[in-house]
């Protein structure tokens, strides 16, 4: 997890980079969710569901950190 209190000031370029990372993680999350649905009756479906969950947590953390950094 990202600690929002240890987040350095983010300039415009870093903010775009963070947004790019969020976009990438969103794509990963969405694809993993789809694969989890497609394989819901198999064990691999649980793996895809876990990947989607971790991606969602990472997206939330990055969004919080970005907002906290922009507030400074």
PDB file of N, CA and C in Angstrom:
ATOM      1  N   UNK A   1       0.839  -1.175   0.000  1.00  0.00           N
ATOM      2  CA  UNK A   1       0.000   0.000   0.000  1.00  0.00           C
ATOM      3  C   UNK A   1       0.890   1.247   0.000  1.00  0.00           C
ATOM      4  N   UNK A   2       0.411   2.254  -0.650  1.00  0.00           N
ATOM      5  CA  UNK A   2       1.134   3.512  -0.682  1.00  0.00           C
ATOM      6  C   UNK A   2       0.782   4.332   0.545  1.00  0.00           C
ATOM      7  N   UNK A   3       1.777   4.942   1.146  1.00  0.00           N
ATOM      8  CA  UNK A   3       1.557   5.828   2.269  1.00  0.00           C
ATOM      9  C   UNK A   3       1.421   7.238   1.718  1.00  0.00           C
ATOM     10  N   UNK A   4       0.243   7.810   1.808  1.00  0.00           N
ATOM     11  CA  UNK A   4       0.002   9.121   1.214  1.00  0.00           C
ATOM     12  C   UNK A   4       0.775  10.224   1.912  1.00  0.00           C
ATOM     13  N   UNK A   5       1.224   9.992   3.125  1.00  0.00           N
ATOM     14  CA  UNK A   5       1.981  11.016   3.833  1.00  0.00           C
ATOM     15  C   UNK A   5       3.435  11.067   3.388  1.00  0.00           C
ATOM     16  N   UNK A   6       3.921  10.000   2.781  1.00  0.00           N
ATOM     17  CA  UNK A   6       5.294   9.966   2.279  1.00  0.00           C
ATOM     18  C   UNK A   6       5.374  10.281   0.800  1.00  0.00           C
ATOM     19  N   UNK A   7       4.284  10.722   0.208  1.00  0.00           N
ATOM     20  CA  UNK A   7       4.248  11.005  -1.219  1.00  0.00           C
ATOM     21  C   UNK A   7       4.880  12.354  -1.491  1.00  0.00           C
ATOM     22  N   UNK A   8       5.903  12.393  -2.341  1.00  0.00           N
ATOM     23  CA  UNK A   8       6.517  13.674  -2.675  1.00  0.00           C
ATOM     24  C   UNK A   8       5.595  14.496  -3.561  1.00  0.00           C
ATOM     25  N   UNK A   9       5.907  15.758  -3.707  1.00  0.00           N
ATOM     26  CA  UNK A   9       5.121  16.618  -4.575  1.00  0.00           C
ATOM     27  C   UNK A   9       5.168  16.068  -5.995  1.00  0.00           C
ATOM     28  N   UNK A  10       4.018  16.025  -6.620  1.00  0.00           N
ATOM     29  CA  UNK A  10       3.923  15.487  -7.973  1.00  0.00           C
ATOM     30  C   UNK A  10       3.749  16.644  -8.938  1.00  0.00           C
ATOM     31  N   UNK A  11       4.646  16.733  -9.912  1.00  0.00           N
ATOM     32  CA  UNK A  11       4.492  17.768 -10.930  1.00  0.00           C
ATOM     33  C   UNK A  11       3.607  17.231 -12.049  1.00  0.00           C
ATOM     34  N   UNK A  12       3.374  18.043 -13.066  1.00  0.00           N
ATOM     35  CA  UNK A  12       2.446  17.669 -14.134  1.00  0.00           C
ATOM     36  C   UNK A  12       2.874  16.394 -14.842  1.00  0.00           C
ATOM     37  N   UNK A  13       4.173  16.242 -15.107  1.00  0.00           N
ATOM     38  CA  UNK A  13       4.648  15.047 -15.811  1.00  0.00           C
ATOM     39  C   UNK A  13       4.440  13.792 -14.980  1.00  0.00           C
ATOM     40  N   UNK A  14       4.735  13.876 -13.689  1.00  0.00           N
ATOM     41  CA  UNK A  14       4.538  12.717 -12.824  1.00  0.00           C
ATOM     42  C   UNK A  14       3.058  12.395 -12.671  1.00  0.00           C
ATOM     43  N   UNK A  15       2.217  13.418 -12.657  1.00  0.00           N
ATOM     44  CA  UNK A  15       0.781  13.200 -12.566  1.00  0.00           C
ATOM     45  C   UNK A  15       0.281  12.451 -13.798  1.00  0.00           C
ATOM     46  N   UNK A  16       0.779  12.837 -14.976  1.00  0.00           N
ATOM     47  CA  UNK A  16       0.404  12.114 -16.190  1.00  0.00           C
ATOM     48  C   UNK A  16       0.882  10.675 -16.126  1.00  0.00           C
ATOM     49  N   UNK A  17       2.068  10.467 -15.566  1.00  0.00           N
ATOM     50  CA  UNK A  17       2.604   9.122 -15.432  1.00  0.00           C
ATOM     51  C   UNK A  17       1.723   8.287 -14.496  1.00  0.00           C
ATOM     52  N   UNK A  18       1.287   8.892 -13.396  1.00  0.00           N
ATOM     53  CA  UNK A  18       0.412   8.193 -12.453  1.00  0.00           C
ATOM     54  C   UNK A  18      -0.914   7.858 -13.125  1.00  0.00           C
ATOM     55  N   UNK A  19      -1.430   8.788 -13.907  1.00  0.00           N
ATOM     56  CA  UNK A  19      -2.686   8.540 -14.610  1.00  0.00           C
ATOM     57  C   UNK A  19      -2.514   7.420 -15.643  1.00  0.00           C
ATOM     58  N   UNK A  20      -1.367   7.374 -16.287  1.00  0.00           N
ATOM     59  CA  UNK A  20      -1.080   6.286 -17.222  1.00  0.00           C
ATOM     60  C   UNK A  20      -1.035   4.946 -16.523  1.00  0.00           C
ATOM     61  N   UNK A  21      -0.453   4.931 -15.339  1.00  0.00           N
ATOM     62  CA  UNK A  21      -0.388   3.699 -14.550  1.00  0.00           C
ATOM     63  C   UNK A  21      -1.791   3.265 -14.128  1.00  0.00           C
ATOM     64  N   UNK A  22      -2.612   4.227 -13.743  1.00  0.00           N
ATOM     65  CA  UNK A  22      -3.995   3.921 -13.374  1.00  0.00           C
ATOM     66  C   UNK A  22      -4.737   3.347 -14.573  1.00  0.00           C
ATOM     67  N   UNK A  23      -4.537   3.937 -15.740  1.00  0.00           N
ATOM     68  CA  UNK A  23      -5.179   3.424 -16.956  1.00  0.00           C
ATOM     69  C   UNK A  23      -4.749   1.991 -17.251  1.00  0.00           C
ATOM     70  N   UNK A  24      -3.449   1.724 -17.102  1.00  0.00           N
ATOM     71  CA  UNK A  24      -2.931   0.373 -17.339  1.00  0.00           C
ATOM     72  C   UNK A  24      -3.534  -0.620 -16.348  1.00  0.00           C
ATOM     73  N   UNK A  25      -3.562  -0.241 -15.082  1.00  0.00           N
ATOM     74  CA  UNK A  25      -4.129  -1.119 -14.064  1.00  0.00           C
ATOM     75  C   UNK A  25      -5.625  -1.334 -14.280  1.00  0.00           C
ATOM     76  N   UNK A  26      -6.307  -0.319 -14.766  1.00  0.00           N
ATOM     77  CA  UNK A  26      -7.728  -0.455 -15.067  1.00  0.00           C
ATOM     78  C   UNK A  26      -7.940  -1.484 -16.170  1.00  0.00           C
ATOM     79  N   UNK A  27      -7.090  -1.427 -17.185  1.00  0.00           N
ATOM     80  CA  UNK A  27      -7.171  -2.418 -18.265  1.00  0.00           C
ATOM     81  C   UNK A  27      -6.925  -3.830 -17.735  1.00  0.00           C
ATOM     82  N   UNK A  28      -5.905  -3.972 -16.881  1.00  0.00           N
ATOM     83  CA  UNK A  28      -5.589  -5.279 -16.284  1.00  0.00           C
ATOM     84  C   UNK A  28      -6.770  -5.774 -15.455  1.00  0.00           C
ATOM     85  N   UNK A  29      -7.327  -4.880 -14.629  1.00  0.00           N
ATOM     86  CA  UNK A  29      -8.463  -5.250 -13.790  1.00  0.00           C
ATOM     87  C   UNK A  29      -9.648  -5.719 -14.631  1.00  0.00           C
ATOM     88  N   UNK A  30      -9.978  -4.943 -15.650  1.00  0.00           N
ATOM     89  CA  UNK A  30     -11.124  -5.283 -16.488  1.00  0.00           C
ATOM     90  C   UNK A  30     -10.927  -6.610 -17.212  1.00  0.00           C
ATOM     91  N   UNK A  31      -9.724  -6.820 -17.722  1.00  0.00           N
ATOM     92  CA  UNK A  31      -9.434  -8.083 -18.414  1.00  0.00           C
ATOM     93  C   UNK A  31      -9.490  -9.260 -17.444  1.00  0.00           C
ATOM     94  N   UNK A  32      -8.937  -9.081 -16.256  1.00  0.00           N
ATOM     95  CA  UNK A  32      -8.953 -10.157 -15.259  1.00  0.00           C
ATOM     96  C   UNK A  32     -10.378 -10.471 -14.819  1.00  0.00           C
ATOM     97  N   UNK A  33     -11.212  -9.442 -14.670  1.00  0.00           N
ATOM     98  CA  UNK A  33     -12.614  -9.680 -14.317  1.00  0.00           C
ATOM     99  C   UNK A  33     -13.320 -10.499 -15.400  1.00  0.00           C
ATOM    100  N   UNK A  34     -13.063 -10.141 -16.646  1.00  0.00           N
ATOM    101  CA  UNK A  34     -13.679 -10.872 -17.751  1.00  0.00           C
ATOM    102  C   UNK A  34     -13.222 -12.331 -17.766  1.00  0.00           C
ATOM    103  N   UNK A  35     -11.921 -12.526 -17.585  1.00  0.00           N
ATOM    104  CA  UNK A  35     -11.386 -13.895 -17.557  1.00  0.00           C
ATOM    105  C   UNK A  35     -11.951 -14.669 -16.370  1.00  0.00           C
ATOM    106  N   UNK A  36     -12.108 -14.011 -15.228  1.00  0.00           N
ATOM    107  CA  UNK A  36     -12.684 -14.674 -14.049  1.00  0.00           C
ATOM    108  C   UNK A  36     -14.115 -15.118 -14.331  1.00  0.00           C
ATOM    109  N   UNK A  37     -14.875 -14.270 -15.020  1.00  0.00           N
ATOM    110  CA  UNK A  37     -16.245 -14.656 -15.393  1.00  0.00           C
ATOM    111  C   UNK A  37     -16.234 -15.828 -16.377  1.00  0.00           C
ATOM    112  N   UNK A  38     -15.330 -15.745 -17.344  1.00  0.00           N
ATOM    113  CA  UNK A  38     -15.259 -16.800 -18.358  1.00  0.00           C
ATOM    114  C   UNK A  38     -14.848 -18.145 -17.769  1.00  0.00           C
ATOM    115  N   UNK A  39     -14.051 -18.111 -16.710  1.00  0.00           N
ATOM    116  CA  UNK A  39     -13.530 -19.337 -16.097  1.00  0.00           C
ATOM    117  C   UNK A  39     -14.084 -19.537 -14.687  1.00  0.00           C
ATOM    118  N   UNK A  40     -15.305 -19.097 -14.469  1.00  0.00           N
ATOM    119  CA  UNK A  40     -15.873 -19.117 -13.118  1.00  0.00           C
ATOM    120  C   UNK A  40     -16.009 -20.523 -12.538  1.00  0.00           C
ATOM    121  N   UNK A  41     -16.075 -21.520 -13.357  1.00  0.00           N
ATOM    122  CA  UNK A  41     -16.235 -22.900 -12.875  1.00  0.00           C
ATOM    123  C   UNK A  41     -14.907 -23.623 -12.668  1.00  0.00           C
ATOM    124  N   UNK A  42     -13.797 -22.917 -12.901  1.00  0.00           N
ATOM    125  CA  UNK A  42     -12.484 -23.557 -12.773  1.00  0.00           C
ATOM    126  C   UNK A  42     -11.637 -22.843 -11.718  1.00  0.00           C
ATOM    127  N   UNK A  43     -10.566 -23.484 -11.349  1.00  0.00           N
ATOM    128  CA  UNK A  43      -9.658 -22.902 -10.354  1.00  0.00           C
ATOM    129  C   UNK A  43      -8.956 -21.657 -10.866  1.00  0.00           C
ATOM    130  N   UNK A  44      -8.679 -21.621 -12.148  1.00  0.00           N
ATOM    131  CA  UNK A  44      -7.987 -20.462 -12.702  1.00  0.00           C
ATOM    132  C   UNK A  44      -8.851 -19.205 -12.575  1.00  0.00           C
ATOM    133  N   UNK A  45     -10.158 -19.385 -12.497  1.00  0.00           N
ATOM    134  CA  UNK A  45     -11.059 -18.253 -12.289  1.00  0.00           C
ATOM    135  C   UNK A  45     -10.757 -17.523 -10.995  1.00  0.00           C
ATOM    136  N   UNK A  46     -10.366 -18.271  -9.952  1.00  0.00           N
ATOM    137  CA  UNK A  46     -10.002 -17.654  -8.676  1.00  0.00           C
ATOM    138  C   UNK A  46      -8.727 -16.828  -8.809  1.00  0.00           C
ATOM    139  N   UNK A  47      -7.806 -17.304  -9.614  1.00  0.00           N
ATOM    140  CA  UNK A  47      -6.559 -16.566  -9.846  1.00  0.00           C
ATOM    141  C   UNK A  47      -6.867 -15.236 -10.541  1.00  0.00           C
ATOM    142  N   UNK A  48      -7.707 -15.290 -11.570  1.00  0.00           N
ATOM    143  CA  UNK A  48      -8.076 -14.057 -12.257  1.00  0.00           C
ATOM    144  C   UNK A  48      -8.828 -13.103 -11.332  1.00  0.00           C
ATOM    145  N   UNK A  49      -9.684 -13.637 -10.480  1.00  0.00           N
ATOM    146  CA  UNK A  49     -10.407 -12.792  -9.528  1.00  0.00           C
ATOM    147  C   UNK A  49      -9.442 -12.124  -8.552  1.00  0.00           C
ATOM    148  N   UNK A  50      -8.421 -12.855  -8.133  1.00  0.00           N
ATOM    149  CA  UNK A  50      -7.418 -12.282  -7.232  1.00  0.00           C
ATOM    150  C   UNK A  50      -6.617 -11.182  -7.926  1.00  0.00           C
ATOM    151  N   UNK A  51      -6.274 -11.405  -9.177  1.00  0.00           N
ATOM    152  CA  UNK A  51      -5.549 -10.387  -9.944  1.00  0.00           C
ATOM    153  C   UNK A  51      -6.402  -9.124 -10.053  1.00  0.00           C
ATOM    154  N   UNK A  52      -7.679  -9.282 -10.337  1.00  0.00           N
ATOM    155  CA  UNK A  52      -8.582  -8.133 -10.435  1.00  0.00           C
ATOM    156  C   UNK A  52      -8.669  -7.392  -9.104  1.00  0.00           C
ATOM    157  N   UNK A  53      -8.705  -8.128  -8.017  1.00  0.00           N
ATOM    158  CA  UNK A  53      -8.786  -7.516  -6.693  1.00  0.00           C
ATOM    159  C   UNK A  53      -7.533  -6.705  -6.357  1.00  0.00           C
ATOM    160  N   UNK A  54      -6.382  -7.266  -6.649  1.00  0.00           N
ATOM    161  CA  UNK A  54      -5.120  -6.559  -6.383  1.00  0.00           C
ATOM    162  C   UNK A  54      -5.016  -5.321  -7.269  1.00  0.00           C
ATOM    163  N   UNK A  55      -5.425  -5.442  -8.508  1.00  0.00           N
ATOM    164  CA  UNK A  55      -5.396  -4.285  -9.408  1.00  0.00           C
ATOM    165  C   UNK A  55      -6.314  -3.184  -8.887  1.00  0.00           C
ATOM    166  N   UNK A  56      -7.497  -3.556  -8.410  1.00  0.00           N
ATOM    167  CA  UNK A  56      -8.434  -2.564  -7.861  1.00  0.00           C
ATOM    168  C   UNK A  56      -7.837  -1.867  -6.646  1.00  0.00           C
ATOM    169  N   UNK A  57      -7.204  -2.626  -5.759  1.00  0.00           N
ATOM    170  CA  UNK A  57      -6.549  -2.025  -4.589  1.00  0.00           C
ATOM    171  C   UNK A  57      -5.449  -1.054  -5.011  1.00  0.00           C
ATOM    172  N   UNK A  58      -4.680  -1.433  -6.008  1.00  0.00           N
ATOM    173  CA  UNK A  58      -3.604  -0.571  -6.497  1.00  0.00           C
ATOM    174  C   UNK A  58      -4.158   0.709  -7.122  1.00  0.00           C
ATOM    175  N   UNK A  59      -5.245   0.588  -7.851  1.00  0.00           N
ATOM    176  CA  UNK A  59      -5.876   1.763  -8.456  1.00  0.00           C
ATOM    177  C   UNK A  59      -6.336   2.725  -7.369  1.00  0.00           C
ATOM    178  N   UNK A  60      -6.988   2.203  -6.354  1.00  0.00           N
ATOM    179  CA  UNK A  60      -7.453   3.055  -5.247  1.00  0.00           C
ATOM    180  C   UNK A  60      -6.284   3.741  -4.556  1.00  0.00           C
ATOM    181  N   UNK A  61      -5.225   3.004  -4.310  1.00  0.00           N
ATOM    182  CA  UNK A  61      -4.061   3.587  -3.643  1.00  0.00           C
ATOM    183  C   UNK A  61      -3.419   4.687  -4.482  1.00  0.00           C
ATOM    184  N   UNK A  62      -3.277   4.432  -5.765  1.00  0.00           N
ATOM    185  CA  UNK A  62      -2.692   5.452  -6.641  1.00  0.00           C
ATOM    186  C   UNK A  62      -3.567   6.692  -6.719  1.00  0.00           C
ATOM    187  N   UNK A  63      -4.862   6.521  -6.780  1.00  0.00           N
ATOM    188  CA  UNK A  63      -5.764   7.674  -6.829  1.00  0.00           C
ATOM    189  C   UNK A  63      -5.670   8.488  -5.541  1.00  0.00           C
ATOM    190  N   UNK A  64      -5.633   7.811  -4.401  1.00  0.00           N
ATOM    191  CA  UNK A  64      -5.505   8.509  -3.120  1.00  0.00           C
ATOM    192  C   UNK A  64      -4.182   9.274  -3.048  1.00  0.00           C
ATOM    193  N   UNK A  65      -3.112   8.615  -3.450  1.00  0.00           N
ATOM    194  CA  UNK A  65      -1.787   9.244  -3.404  1.00  0.00           C
ATOM    195  C   UNK A  65      -1.723  10.435  -4.343  1.00  0.00           C
ATOM    196  N   UNK A  66      -2.313  10.309  -5.515  1.00  0.00           N
ATOM    197  CA  UNK A  66      -2.302  11.409  -6.485  1.00  0.00           C
ATOM    198  C   UNK A  66      -3.086  12.603  -5.949  1.00  0.00           C
ATOM    199  N   UNK A  67      -4.256  12.330  -5.360  1.00  0.00           N
ATOM    200  CA  UNK A  67      -5.066  13.418  -4.803  1.00  0.00           C
ATOM    201  C   UNK A  67      -4.346  14.090  -3.642  1.00  0.00           C
ATOM    202  N   UNK A  68      -3.724  13.291  -2.792  1.00  0.00           N
ATOM    203  CA  UNK A  68      -3.003  13.853  -1.640  1.00  0.00           C
ATOM    204  C   UNK A  68      -1.829  14.699  -2.105  1.00  0.00           C
ATOM    205  N   UNK A  69      -1.125  14.234  -3.117  1.00  0.00           N
ATOM    206  CA  UNK A  69       0.028  14.974  -3.628  1.00  0.00           C
ATOM    207  C   UNK A  69      -0.407  16.265  -4.299  1.00  0.00           C
ATOM    208  N   UNK A  70      -1.520  16.223  -5.009  1.00  0.00           N
ATOM    209  CA  UNK A  70      -1.998  17.429  -5.685  1.00  0.00           C
ATOM    210  C   UNK A  70      -2.487  18.471  -4.680  1.00  0.00           C
ATOM    211  N   UNK A  71      -2.907  18.022  -3.493  1.00  0.00           N
ATOM    212  CA  UNK A  71      -3.377  18.952  -2.472  1.00  0.00           C
ATOM    213  C   UNK A  71      -2.243  19.798  -1.906  1.00  0.00           C
ATOM    214  N   UNK A  72      -1.023  19.303  -2.032  1.00  0.00           N
ATOM    215  CA  UNK A  72       0.125  20.060  -1.534  1.00  0.00           C
ATOM    216  C   UNK A  72       0.455  21.099  -2.514  1.00  0.00           C
TER     217      UNK A  72
END
